[in-house]
């Protein structure tokens, strides 16, 4: 496990402390959890970008051609 030191303003730390206390966590535990969530989201976004680069308009139109042309269900109208 690695340890890092973060320098932040007192008001930012206070905000983190308030949020963490609502979850009954320390600021450290809260920050680690949020950094983990950010890292997973970043990885997911990169994966999505890679998958999007494989797409083409032709593939999109082929997929859309498989969607039935029927009226929307009641409540789903625009």
Protein backbone atom coordinates (compact mmCIF):
# COMPACT_ATOMS: atom_id res chain seq x y z
CA UNK A 1 0.00 0.00 0.00
CA UNK A 2 1.24 3.49 -0.82
CA UNK A 3 0.82 6.62 1.25
CA UNK A 4 0.44 10.06 -0.29
CA UNK A 5 0.32 13.50 1.20
CA UNK A 6 -2.21 15.99 -0.17
CA UNK A 7 -2.05 19.71 0.38
CA UNK A 8 -5.46 21.35 0.27
CA UNK A 9 -7.10 24.43 1.64
CA UNK A 10 -8.75 24.26 5.03
CA UNK A 11 -12.20 24.88 3.55
CA UNK A 12 -11.87 21.95 1.14
CA UNK A 13 -10.71 19.71 3.98
CA UNK A 14 -13.66 20.87 6.09
CA UNK A 15 -16.07 20.01 3.27
CA UNK A 16 -14.53 16.54 2.94
CA UNK A 17 -14.70 16.07 6.69
CA UNK A 18 -18.40 17.00 6.74
CA UNK A 19 -19.25 14.66 3.87
CA UNK A 20 -17.20 11.81 5.35
CA UNK A 21 -18.82 12.20 8.75
CA UNK A 22 -22.27 11.70 7.19
CA UNK A 23 -21.04 8.29 6.01
CA UNK A 24 -19.40 7.65 9.41
CA UNK A 25 -15.97 7.50 7.77
CA UNK A 26 -12.67 9.19 8.22
CA UNK A 27 -11.56 11.73 5.65
CA UNK A 28 -8.84 9.29 4.55
CA UNK A 29 -11.30 6.42 4.01
CA UNK A 30 -13.72 8.69 2.18
CA UNK A 31 -10.99 10.13 -0.06
CA UNK A 32 -9.64 6.66 -0.90
CA UNK A 33 -13.14 5.46 -1.82
CA UNK A 34 -13.73 8.48 -4.06
CA UNK A 35 -10.33 8.13 -5.73
CA UNK A 36 -11.09 4.45 -6.42
CA UNK A 37 -14.44 5.43 -7.95
CA UNK A 38 -12.73 8.06 -10.09
CA UNK A 39 -10.09 5.60 -11.29
CA UNK A 40 -12.77 3.03 -12.24
CA UNK A 41 -14.81 5.68 -14.06
CA UNK A 42 -11.73 6.87 -15.93
CA UNK A 43 -10.89 3.31 -16.99
CA UNK A 44 -14.50 2.75 -18.09
CA UNK A 45 -14.46 5.94 -20.12
CA UNK A 46 -11.20 4.93 -21.82
CA UNK A 47 -12.68 1.52 -22.63
CA UNK A 48 -15.79 3.16 -24.04
CA UNK A 49 -13.65 5.46 -26.18
CA UNK A 50 -11.71 2.48 -27.56
CA UNK A 51 -14.94 0.66 -28.37
CA UNK A 52 -16.39 3.77 -30.03
CA UNK A 53 -13.36 4.03 -32.31
CA UNK A 54 -14.23 0.60 -33.73
CA UNK A 55 -17.69 1.81 -34.73
CA UNK A 56 -18.70 3.12 -38.14
CA UNK A 57 -21.78 4.78 -39.56
CA UNK A 58 -22.42 1.64 -41.56
CA UNK A 59 -22.44 -0.50 -38.41
CA UNK A 60 -24.72 2.03 -36.70
CA UNK A 61 -27.19 2.04 -39.60
CA UNK A 62 -27.11 -1.77 -39.77
CA UNK A 63 -27.94 -1.99 -36.07
CA UNK A 64 -30.68 0.63 -36.35
CA UNK A 65 -32.21 -1.27 -39.28
CA UNK A 66 -32.90 -4.15 -36.86
CA UNK A 67 -35.04 -1.93 -34.61
CA UNK A 68 -38.73 -2.40 -35.39
CA UNK A 69 -40.52 0.65 -36.77
CA UNK A 70 -43.49 0.67 -34.38
CA UNK A 71 -45.13 3.45 -32.40
CA UNK A 72 -43.81 3.95 -28.88
CA UNK A 73 -45.53 2.34 -25.93
CA UNK A 74 -47.97 4.62 -24.09
CA UNK A 75 -45.98 6.92 -21.81
CA UNK A 76 -42.80 6.66 -23.91
CA UNK A 77 -43.80 9.28 -26.46
CA UNK A 78 -41.60 12.33 -26.89
